[in-house]
């Protein structure tokens, strides 16, 4: 019977492995990495973790969380080597923030609903950002729709928002009308941006994550388009030569076939 000589499955053991990879005689690739060079991998692993969440596969999610954890730990390893901060500092920072942001659990504040917790959270964050813009701290690297809704959410919590959902709908309709009237490339870009920003705000008011909604639609479109391509091959139709009426009929057929598979 062979004895398992693998290191124990613990945070400390994982940190030792990463330190070894970075140390003398370690991995040539890991040893030359910097905070900046690893940034794309951190983003990639974050997206792969989100995809695993969408798939609803626990085993895949477990794997991707491990990959994401590695990206966090190697960033900490680099910081410890440079003497900028330590893992203890990371733990202390998030510990203090959780305690500070949950006074209804760890102190004597009262917040009995999720909405009350969010309101309290915003007030605490505003106090921490005293003197700073209400929009400060939103990462500029966020995807556009996600960034738009983050800005709108912050602005709304600061008191800048429409008074009714009807007003939000009117703003969308107004921006679409202005987009229709745009003439120059610059005008079309600006008005298209305004229209999408207004639509993102409407989605937020409706409780819809705009980024997630658009991704879902894009993926559904790609799947349905693939079904339509199969139909085109069956019927020996050249999509580029087909009249619009036929294209729409083919799309409707693809939609029906796709629906029958769900």
C-alpha atoms as a PDB file:
ATOM      1  CA  UNK A   1       0.000   0.000   0.000  1.00  0.00           C
ATOM      2  CA  UNK A   2       1.523   3.327  -1.082  1.00  0.00           C
ATOM      3  CA  UNK A   3       1.428   6.215   1.339  1.00  0.00           C
ATOM      4  CA  UNK A   4       0.055   9.544   0.122  1.00  0.00           C
ATOM      5  CA  UNK A   5       2.932  12.033   0.392  1.00  0.00           C
ATOM      6  CA  UNK A   6       0.898  15.032  -0.788  1.00  0.00           C
ATOM      7  CA  UNK A   7       1.014  18.127   1.439  1.00  0.00           C
ATOM      8  CA  UNK A   8      -2.042  18.532   3.677  1.00  0.00           C
ATOM      9  CA  UNK A   9      -5.020  20.340   2.147  1.00  0.00           C
ATOM     10  CA  UNK A  10      -4.794  23.528   4.178  1.00  0.00           C
ATOM     11  CA  UNK A  11      -4.265  27.233   3.634  1.00  0.00           C
ATOM     12  CA  UNK A  12      -0.838  27.067   5.269  1.00  0.00           C
ATOM     13  CA  UNK A  13       0.256  24.192   3.026  1.00  0.00           C
ATOM     14  CA  UNK A  14      -0.974  26.010  -0.073  1.00  0.00           C
ATOM     15  CA  UNK A  15       0.939  29.131   0.946  1.00  0.00           C
ATOM     16  CA  UNK A  16       4.107  27.050   1.388  1.00  0.00           C
ATOM     17  CA  UNK A  17       3.682  25.609  -2.110  1.00  0.00           C
ATOM     18  CA  UNK A  18       3.327  29.094  -3.596  1.00  0.00           C
ATOM     19  CA  UNK A  19       6.368  30.331  -1.666  1.00  0.00           C
ATOM     20  CA  UNK A  20       8.341  27.367  -3.030  1.00  0.00           C
ATOM     21  CA  UNK A  21       7.243  28.146  -6.581  1.00  0.00           C
ATOM     22  CA  UNK A  22       8.475  31.724  -6.102  1.00  0.00           C
ATOM     23  CA  UNK A  23      11.673  30.775  -4.271  1.00  0.00           C
ATOM     24  CA  UNK A  24      15.162  29.733  -5.422  1.00  0.00           C
ATOM     25  CA  UNK A  25      14.921  26.620  -7.533  1.00  0.00           C
ATOM     26  CA  UNK A  26      11.220  27.185  -7.969  1.00  0.00           C
ATOM     27  CA  UNK A  27       9.211  27.605 -11.158  1.00  0.00           C
ATOM     28  CA  UNK A  28      10.878  29.935 -13.728  1.00  0.00           C
ATOM     29  CA  UNK A  29       7.473  31.299 -14.765  1.00  0.00           C
ATOM     30  CA  UNK A  30       6.161  31.966 -11.255  1.00  0.00           C
ATOM     31  CA  UNK A  31       9.420  33.585 -10.176  1.00  0.00           C
ATOM     32  CA  UNK A  32       9.258  36.374 -12.779  1.00  0.00           C
ATOM     33  CA  UNK A  33       5.635  37.359 -12.192  1.00  0.00           C
ATOM     34  CA  UNK A  34       4.584  40.751 -10.821  1.00  0.00           C
ATOM     35  CA  UNK A  35       1.312  42.166  -9.494  1.00  0.00           C
ATOM     36  CA  UNK A  36       0.662  43.672 -12.913  1.00  0.00           C
ATOM     37  CA  UNK A  37       1.612  40.617 -14.994  1.00  0.00           C
ATOM     38  CA  UNK A  38      -0.762  38.461 -12.951  1.00  0.00           C
ATOM     39  CA  UNK A  39      -3.687  40.870 -13.256  1.00  0.00           C
ATOM     40  CA  UNK A  40      -5.089  39.310 -16.481  1.00  0.00           C
ATOM     41  CA  UNK A  41      -5.102  35.865 -14.858  1.00  0.00           C
ATOM     42  CA  UNK A  42      -6.973  37.211 -11.826  1.00  0.00           C
ATOM     43  CA  UNK A  43      -9.615  38.641 -14.156  1.00  0.00           C
ATOM     44  CA  UNK A  44      -9.766  35.442 -16.225  1.00  0.00           C
ATOM     45  CA  UNK A  45     -10.185  33.224 -13.170  1.00  0.00           C
ATOM     46  CA  UNK A  46     -12.902  35.533 -11.846  1.00  0.00           C
ATOM     47  CA  UNK A  47     -14.861  35.164 -15.083  1.00  0.00           C
ATOM     48  CA  UNK A  48     -14.346  31.386 -15.104  1.00  0.00           C
ATOM     49  CA  UNK A  49     -15.671  31.243 -11.537  1.00  0.00           C
ATOM     50  CA  UNK A  50     -18.734  33.237 -12.562  1.00  0.00           C
ATOM     51  CA  UNK A  51     -19.272  30.879 -15.498  1.00  0.00           C
ATOM     52  CA  UNK A  52     -19.101  27.901 -13.130  1.00  0.00           C
ATOM     53  CA  UNK A  53     -21.745  29.591 -10.985  1.00  0.00           C
ATOM     54  CA  UNK A  54     -23.971  30.013 -14.033  1.00  0.00           C
ATOM     55  CA  UNK A  55     -23.533  26.349 -14.986  1.00  0.00           C
ATOM     56  CA  UNK A  56     -24.653  25.195 -11.545  1.00  0.00           C
ATOM     57  CA  UNK A  57     -21.909  22.544 -11.418  1.00  0.00           C
ATOM     58  CA  UNK A  58     -20.626  22.299  -7.804  1.00  0.00           C
ATOM     59  CA  UNK A  59     -17.513  20.356  -8.810  1.00  0.00           C
ATOM     60  CA  UNK A  60     -16.593  22.931 -11.446  1.00  0.00           C
ATOM     61  CA  UNK A  61     -17.265  25.756  -9.009  1.00  0.00           C
ATOM     62  CA  UNK A  62     -15.024  24.096  -6.429  1.00  0.00           C
ATOM     63  CA  UNK A  63     -12.221  23.842  -8.982  1.00  0.00           C
ATOM     64  CA  UNK A  64     -12.578  27.436 -10.169  1.00  0.00           C
ATOM     65  CA  UNK A  65     -12.680  28.784  -6.615  1.00  0.00           C
ATOM     66  CA  UNK A  66      -9.374  26.997  -6.046  1.00  0.00           C
ATOM     67  CA  UNK A  67      -7.877  28.666  -9.126  1.00  0.00           C
ATOM     68  CA  UNK A  68      -9.192  32.034  -7.961  1.00  0.00           C
ATOM     69  CA  UNK A  69      -7.775  31.456  -4.470  1.00  0.00           C
ATOM     70  CA  UNK A  70      -4.364  30.767  -6.001  1.00  0.00           C
ATOM     71  CA  UNK A  71      -4.471  34.143  -7.772  1.00  0.00           C
ATOM     72  CA  UNK A  72      -5.263  35.873  -4.470  1.00  0.00           C
ATOM     73  CA  UNK A  73      -2.552  34.023  -2.563  1.00  0.00           C
ATOM     74  CA  UNK A  74       0.189  34.624  -5.103  1.00  0.00           C
ATOM     75  CA  UNK A  75      -0.642  38.350  -5.030  1.00  0.00           C
ATOM     76  CA  UNK A  76      -0.201  38.239  -1.251  1.00  0.00           C
ATOM     77  CA  UNK A  77       3.066  36.333  -1.663  1.00  0.00           C
ATOM     78  CA  UNK A  78       4.411  39.076  -3.931  1.00  0.00           C
ATOM     79  CA  UNK A  79       3.410  41.728  -1.412  1.00  0.00           C
ATOM     80  CA  UNK A  80       5.104  39.865   1.442  1.00  0.00           C
ATOM     81  CA  UNK A  81       8.293  39.541  -0.599  1.00  0.00           C
ATOM     82  CA  UNK A  82       8.212  43.289  -1.270  1.00  0.00           C
ATOM     83  CA  UNK A  83       7.392  44.091   2.355  1.00  0.00           C
ATOM     84  CA  UNK A  84       4.252  46.069   1.462  1.00  0.00           C
ATOM     85  CA  UNK A  85       1.701  43.983   3.410  1.00  0.00           C
ATOM     86  CA  UNK A  86       1.191  40.473   4.761  1.00  0.00           C
ATOM     87  CA  UNK A  87      -1.536  37.871   4.848  1.00  0.00           C
ATOM     88  CA  UNK A  88      -2.202  38.927   8.439  1.00  0.00           C
ATOM     89  CA  UNK A  89      -2.857  42.459   7.161  1.00  0.00           C
ATOM     90  CA  UNK A  90      -5.318  41.089   4.586  1.00  0.00           C
ATOM     91  CA  UNK A  91      -7.144  39.092   7.264  1.00  0.00           C
ATOM     92  CA  UNK A  92      -7.180  42.047   9.656  1.00  0.00           C
ATOM     93  CA  UNK A  93      -8.511  44.381   6.980  1.00  0.00           C
ATOM     94  CA  UNK A  94     -11.447  42.234   5.978  1.00  0.00           C
ATOM     95  CA  UNK A  95     -12.156  41.288   9.611  1.00  0.00           C
ATOM     96  CA  UNK A  96     -12.377  44.935  10.644  1.00  0.00           C
ATOM     97  CA  UNK A  97     -14.508  45.847   7.636  1.00  0.00           C
ATOM     98  CA  UNK A  98     -16.999  43.041   8.274  1.00  0.00           C
ATOM     99  CA  UNK A  99     -17.321  44.022  11.932  1.00  0.00           C
ATOM    100  CA  UNK A 100     -17.628  47.703  11.069  1.00  0.00           C
ATOM    101  CA  UNK A 101     -20.166  47.191   8.281  1.00  0.00           C
ATOM    102  CA  UNK A 102     -22.414  44.859  10.344  1.00  0.00           C
ATOM    103  CA  UNK A 103     -23.192  46.792  13.529  1.00  0.00           C
ATOM    104  CA  UNK A 104     -26.653  45.186  13.533  1.00  0.00           C
ATOM    105  CA  UNK A 105     -24.911  41.852  14.197  1.00  0.00           C
ATOM    106  CA  UNK A 106     -21.790  42.809  16.170  1.00  0.00           C
ATOM    107  CA  UNK A 107     -23.018  45.983  17.911  1.00  0.00           C
ATOM    108  CA  UNK A 108     -26.310  47.545  18.951  1.00  0.00           C
ATOM    109  CA  UNK A 109     -27.610  48.857  15.604  1.00  0.00           C
ATOM    110  CA  UNK A 110     -30.904  47.568  14.210  1.00  0.00           C
ATOM    111  CA  UNK A 111     -31.468  46.385  10.616  1.00  0.00           C
ATOM    112  CA  UNK A 112     -34.175  43.760  10.268  1.00  0.00           C
ATOM    113  CA  UNK A 113     -34.561  43.600   6.476  1.00  0.00           C
ATOM    114  CA  UNK A 114     -32.121  43.284   3.550  1.00  0.00           C
ATOM    115  CA  UNK A 115     -33.164  46.785   2.436  1.00  0.00           C
ATOM    116  CA  UNK A 116     -32.356  48.219   5.864  1.00  0.00           C
ATOM    117  CA  UNK A 117     -28.963  46.491   5.804  1.00  0.00           C
ATOM    118  CA  UNK A 118     -28.151  48.043   2.392  1.00  0.00           C
ATOM    119  CA  UNK A 119     -29.221  51.507   3.604  1.00  0.00           C
ATOM    120  CA  UNK A 120     -27.068  51.162   6.707  1.00  0.00           C
ATOM    121  CA  UNK A 121     -24.154  49.835   4.611  1.00  0.00           C
ATOM    122  CA  UNK A 122     -24.365  52.878   2.327  1.00  0.00           C
ATOM    123  CA  UNK A 123     -24.398  55.268   5.273  1.00  0.00           C
ATOM    124  CA  UNK A 124     -21.354  53.593   6.775  1.00  0.00           C
ATOM    125  CA  UNK A 125     -19.485  53.675   3.451  1.00  0.00           C
ATOM    126  CA  UNK A 126     -20.412  57.348   2.995  1.00  0.00           C
ATOM    127  CA  UNK A 127     -18.965  58.081   6.428  1.00  0.00           C
ATOM    128  CA  UNK A 128     -15.766  56.242   5.519  1.00  0.00           C
ATOM    129  CA  UNK A 129     -15.517  58.248   2.280  1.00  0.00           C
ATOM    130  CA  UNK A 130     -16.109  61.603   3.981  1.00  0.00           C
ATOM    131  CA  UNK A 131     -15.041  64.362   1.605  1.00  0.00           C
ATOM    132  CA  UNK A 132     -14.900  62.030  -1.401  1.00  0.00           C
ATOM    133  CA  UNK A 133     -17.335  61.765  -4.302  1.00  0.00           C
ATOM    134  CA  UNK A 134     -20.272  59.399  -3.869  1.00  0.00           C
ATOM    135  CA  UNK A 135     -19.050  57.776  -7.098  1.00  0.00           C
ATOM    136  CA  UNK A 136     -15.493  57.307  -5.856  1.00  0.00           C
ATOM    137  CA  UNK A 137     -13.982  53.853  -5.777  1.00  0.00           C
ATOM    138  CA  UNK A 138     -15.914  52.342  -8.689  1.00  0.00           C
ATOM    139  CA  UNK A 139     -13.298  50.335 -10.634  1.00  0.00           C
ATOM    140  CA  UNK A 140     -12.863  51.796 -14.149  1.00  0.00           C
ATOM    141  CA  UNK A 141     -12.043  48.296 -15.410  1.00  0.00           C
ATOM    142  CA  UNK A 142     -15.592  47.041 -14.786  1.00  0.00           C
ATOM    143  CA  UNK A 143     -17.519  45.993 -17.913  1.00  0.00           C
ATOM    144  CA  UNK A 144     -19.479  48.938 -19.304  1.00  0.00           C
ATOM    145  CA  UNK A 145     -22.977  47.852 -18.271  1.00  0.00           C
ATOM    146  CA  UNK A 146     -21.817  46.798 -14.828  1.00  0.00           C
ATOM    147  CA  UNK A 147     -20.008  50.109 -14.394  1.00  0.00           C
ATOM    148  CA  UNK A 148     -23.068  52.053 -15.573  1.00  0.00           C
ATOM    149  CA  UNK A 149     -25.329  50.373 -13.033  1.00  0.00           C
ATOM    150  CA  UNK A 150     -22.765  50.812 -10.248  1.00  0.00           C
ATOM    151  CA  UNK A 151     -22.622  54.551 -11.005  1.00  0.00           C
ATOM    152  CA  UNK A 152     -26.412  54.792 -11.164  1.00  0.00           C
ATOM    153  CA  UNK A 153     -26.803  52.866  -7.920  1.00  0.00           C
ATOM    154  CA  UNK A 154     -24.362  55.151  -6.104  1.00  0.00           C
ATOM    155  CA  UNK A 155     -25.987  58.281  -7.559  1.00  0.00           C
ATOM    156  CA  UNK A 156     -29.431  57.055  -6.540  1.00  0.00           C
ATOM    157  CA  UNK A 157     -28.321  56.316  -2.990  1.00  0.00           C
ATOM    158  CA  UNK A 158     -26.841  59.811  -2.833  1.00  0.00           C
ATOM    159  CA  UNK A 159     -30.300  61.205  -3.688  1.00  0.00           C
ATOM    160  CA  UNK A 160     -30.003  61.701  -7.456  1.00  0.00           C
ATOM    161  CA  UNK A 161     -32.717  59.575  -9.064  1.00  0.00           C
ATOM    162  CA  UNK A 162     -36.110  59.724 -10.736  1.00  0.00           C
ATOM    163  CA  UNK A 163     -39.204  59.809  -8.573  1.00  0.00           C
ATOM    164  CA  UNK A 164     -41.121  57.111 -10.452  1.00  0.00           C
ATOM    165  CA  UNK A 165     -40.649  54.216 -12.832  1.00  0.00           C
ATOM    166  CA  UNK A 166     -42.707  56.084 -15.439  1.00  0.00           C
ATOM    167  CA  UNK A 167     -40.061  58.816 -15.487  1.00  0.00           C
ATOM    168  CA  UNK A 168     -37.373  56.210 -16.071  1.00  0.00           C
ATOM    169  CA  UNK A 169     -39.338  54.813 -19.031  1.00  0.00           C
ATOM    170  CA  UNK A 170     -39.755  58.344 -20.420  1.00  0.00           C
ATOM    171  CA  UNK A 171     -35.999  58.904 -20.186  1.00  0.00           C
ATOM    172  CA  UNK A 172     -35.356  55.732 -22.204  1.00  0.00           C
ATOM    173  CA  UNK A 173     -37.871  56.768 -24.867  1.00  0.00           C
ATOM    174  CA  UNK A 174     -36.359  60.259 -25.038  1.00  0.00           C
ATOM    175  CA  UNK A 175     -32.835  58.910 -25.482  1.00  0.00           C
ATOM    176  CA  UNK A 176     -33.978  56.482 -28.205  1.00  0.00           C
ATOM    177  CA  UNK A 177     -35.677  59.362 -30.020  1.00  0.00           C
ATOM    178  CA  UNK A 178     -32.470  61.406 -29.859  1.00  0.00           C
ATOM    179  CA  UNK A 179     -30.483  58.430 -31.151  1.00  0.00           C
ATOM    180  CA  UNK A 180     -32.864  58.110 -34.094  1.00  0.00           C
ATOM    181  CA  UNK A 181     -32.216  61.781 -34.960  1.00  0.00           C
ATOM    182  CA  UNK A 182     -28.403  61.618 -34.642  1.00  0.00           C
ATOM    183  CA  UNK A 183     -26.586  62.425 -37.883  1.00  0.00           C
ATOM    184  CA  UNK A 184     -22.804  62.362 -37.449  1.00  0.00           C
ATOM    185  CA  UNK A 185     -20.677  59.431 -36.196  1.00  0.00           C
ATOM    186  CA  UNK A 186     -19.862  61.401 -33.038  1.00  0.00           C
ATOM    187  CA  UNK A 187     -23.542  62.159 -32.409  1.00  0.00           C
ATOM    188  CA  UNK A 188     -24.486  58.517 -32.944  1.00  0.00           C
ATOM    189  CA  UNK A 189     -21.808  57.366 -30.519  1.00  0.00           C
ATOM    190  CA  UNK A 190     -22.907  59.846 -27.849  1.00  0.00           C
ATOM    191  CA  UNK A 191     -26.617  59.193 -28.286  1.00  0.00           C
ATOM    192  CA  UNK A 192     -26.138  55.414 -28.413  1.00  0.00           C
ATOM    193  CA  UNK A 193     -24.201  55.672 -25.153  1.00  0.00           C
ATOM    194  CA  UNK A 194     -26.937  57.799 -23.587  1.00  0.00           C
ATOM    195  CA  UNK A 195     -29.611  55.329 -24.716  1.00  0.00           C
ATOM    196  CA  UNK A 196     -27.739  52.326 -23.332  1.00  0.00           C
ATOM    197  CA  UNK A 197     -27.059  54.170 -20.080  1.00  0.00           C
ATOM    198  CA  UNK A 198     -30.763  54.980 -19.754  1.00  0.00           C
ATOM    199  CA  UNK A 199     -31.713  51.374 -20.528  1.00  0.00           C
ATOM    200  CA  UNK A 200     -29.221  50.122 -17.934  1.00  0.00           C
ATOM    201  CA  UNK A 201     -30.849  52.439 -15.422  1.00  0.00           C
ATOM    202  CA  UNK A 202     -34.296  51.091 -16.323  1.00  0.00           C
ATOM    203  CA  UNK A 203     -32.995  47.531 -15.857  1.00  0.00           C
ATOM    204  CA  UNK A 204     -31.625  48.521 -12.443  1.00  0.00           C
ATOM    205  CA  UNK A 205     -34.971  49.992 -11.425  1.00  0.00           C
ATOM    206  CA  UNK A 206     -36.629  46.745 -12.518  1.00  0.00           C
ATOM    207  CA  UNK A 207     -34.190  44.729 -10.422  1.00  0.00           C
ATOM    208  CA  UNK A 208     -32.346  43.321 -13.450  1.00  0.00           C
ATOM    209  CA  UNK A 209     -28.560  42.965 -13.672  1.00  0.00           C
ATOM    210  CA  UNK A 210     -27.931  44.525 -17.096  1.00  0.00           C
ATOM    211  CA  UNK A 211     -24.605  42.750 -17.634  1.00  0.00           C
ATOM    212  CA  UNK A 212     -26.107  39.368 -16.825  1.00  0.00           C
ATOM    213  CA  UNK A 213     -29.199  40.033 -18.951  1.00  0.00           C
ATOM    214  CA  UNK A 214     -27.195  40.994 -22.027  1.00  0.00           C
ATOM    215  CA  UNK A 215     -24.817  38.055 -21.635  1.00  0.00           C
ATOM    216  CA  UNK A 216     -27.781  35.679 -21.375  1.00  0.00           C
ATOM    217  CA  UNK A 217     -29.342  37.143 -24.525  1.00  0.00           C
ATOM    218  CA  UNK A 218     -26.058  37.090 -26.451  1.00  0.00           C
ATOM    219  CA  UNK A 219     -25.483  33.434 -25.606  1.00  0.00           C
ATOM    220  CA  UNK A 220     -29.073  32.537 -26.470  1.00  0.00           C
ATOM    221  CA  UNK A 221     -28.706  34.349 -29.800  1.00  0.00           C
ATOM    222  CA  UNK A 222     -25.480  32.458 -30.588  1.00  0.00           C
ATOM    223  CA  UNK A 223     -27.133  29.117 -29.806  1.00  0.00           C
ATOM    224  CA  UNK A 224     -30.192  29.932 -31.889  1.00  0.00           C
ATOM    225  CA  UNK A 225     -28.031  31.186 -34.750  1.00  0.00           C
ATOM    226  CA  UNK A 226     -26.204  27.853 -34.742  1.00  0.00           C
ATOM    227  CA  UNK A 227     -29.569  26.094 -35.032  1.00  0.00           C
ATOM    228  CA  UNK A 228     -30.479  28.349 -37.950  1.00  0.00           C
ATOM    229  CA  UNK A 229     -27.174  27.538 -39.658  1.00  0.00           C
ATOM    230  CA  UNK A 230     -28.095  23.847 -39.455  1.00  0.00           C
ATOM    231  CA  UNK A 231     -31.470  24.625 -41.066  1.00  0.00           C
ATOM    232  CA  UNK A 232     -29.743  26.627 -43.808  1.00  0.00           C
ATOM    233  CA  UNK A 233     -27.543  23.631 -44.568  1.00  0.00           C
ATOM    234  CA  UNK A 234     -30.554  21.301 -44.640  1.00  0.00           C
ATOM    235  CA  UNK A 235     -32.436  23.560 -47.047  1.00  0.00           C
ATOM    236  CA  UNK A 236     -29.343  24.590 -49.024  1.00  0.00           C
ATOM    237  CA  UNK A 237     -30.109  28.270 -48.515  1.00  0.00           C
ATOM    238  CA  UNK A 238     -27.485  31.020 -48.793  1.00  0.00           C
ATOM    239  CA  UNK A 239     -28.309  33.418 -45.976  1.00  0.00           C
ATOM    240  CA  UNK A 240     -26.566  36.291 -47.736  1.00  0.00           C
ATOM    241  CA  UNK A 241     -28.836  35.904 -50.768  1.00  0.00           C
ATOM    242  CA  UNK A 242     -32.117  35.258 -48.954  1.00  0.00           C
ATOM    243  CA  UNK A 243     -34.753  38.024 -48.784  1.00  0.00           C
ATOM    244  CA  UNK A 244     -35.515  39.455 -45.367  1.00  0.00           C
ATOM    245  CA  UNK A 245     -38.865  37.660 -45.171  1.00  0.00           C
ATOM    246  CA  UNK A 246     -37.134  34.300 -45.585  1.00  0.00           C
ATOM    247  CA  UNK A 247     -34.472  35.211 -43.053  1.00  0.00           C
ATOM    248  CA  UNK A 248     -37.115  36.058 -40.477  1.00  0.00           C
ATOM    249  CA  UNK A 249     -38.974  32.809 -41.221  1.00  0.00           C
ATOM    250  CA  UNK A 250     -35.751  30.819 -40.804  1.00  0.00           C
ATOM    251  CA  UNK A 251     -35.035  32.593 -37.533  1.00  0.00           C
ATOM    252  CA  UNK A 252     -38.541  31.806 -36.309  1.00  0.00           C
ATOM    253  CA  UNK A 253     -38.068  28.144 -37.234  1.00  0.00           C
ATOM    254  CA  UNK A 254     -34.735  28.045 -35.432  1.00  0.00           C
ATOM    255  CA  UNK A 255     -36.368  29.573 -32.371  1.00  0.00           C
ATOM    256  CA  UNK A 256     -39.096  26.912 -32.452  1.00  0.00           C
ATOM    257  CA  UNK A 257     -36.558  24.102 -32.771  1.00  0.00           C
ATOM    258  CA  UNK A 258     -34.435  25.539 -29.986  1.00  0.00           C
ATOM    259  CA  UNK A 259     -37.473  25.853 -27.756  1.00  0.00           C
ATOM    260  CA  UNK A 260     -38.401  22.235 -28.330  1.00  0.00           C
ATOM    261  CA  UNK A 261     -34.997  21.168 -26.963  1.00  0.00           C
ATOM    262  CA  UNK A 262     -35.332  23.061 -23.710  1.00  0.00           C
END
